[in-house]
Amino acid sequence: QVQLVESGGGLVQAGDSLRLSCVVSGRTLSSYYAMGWFRQAPGKEREFVTRIKWSGDSTYYADSVKGRFTISRDVAKNTVALQMNSLKAEDTAVYYCAARRDFCTGCYDAGRYDVWGQGTQVTVSS
């Protein structure tokens, strides 16, 4: 059974940094065409944050996080990480890791992802 388990969330102040991790079990990371991070704030729809393709040479970011967040993957550890710097209050949300098996172009549509983690809460106080 494939599982994605996120960790690293917490309560921080504006300007601080956090690093989220997503461990993939039951299947190797290279089995997935893309891994993504999404987030959902209270009362809002789930939104795309960033994604990385299995080769590791293609990343894409939402404009709201570009220049502040960095996605990376460690194939040996079967892990995808999200480094979040210069956090803002508007980054407060539950962050989800997701995996996409088949080819996709932009890969920023949540509906195209096949497996999801349970989410980790990130709260940024202003």
Foldseek 3Di string as FASTA:
>chain_A
DKAWAKDWADEEAAQAKTKMKIAIPPDFLLQFQKKFKWWDDPPGDIFGAKMAGSVRPDIDGDPVQPPFWDWGDDRVRRMIMIIGGRDDQVVWTWMKMFTARDDDDRPGDPVRTDHIHPTDTHGYHD
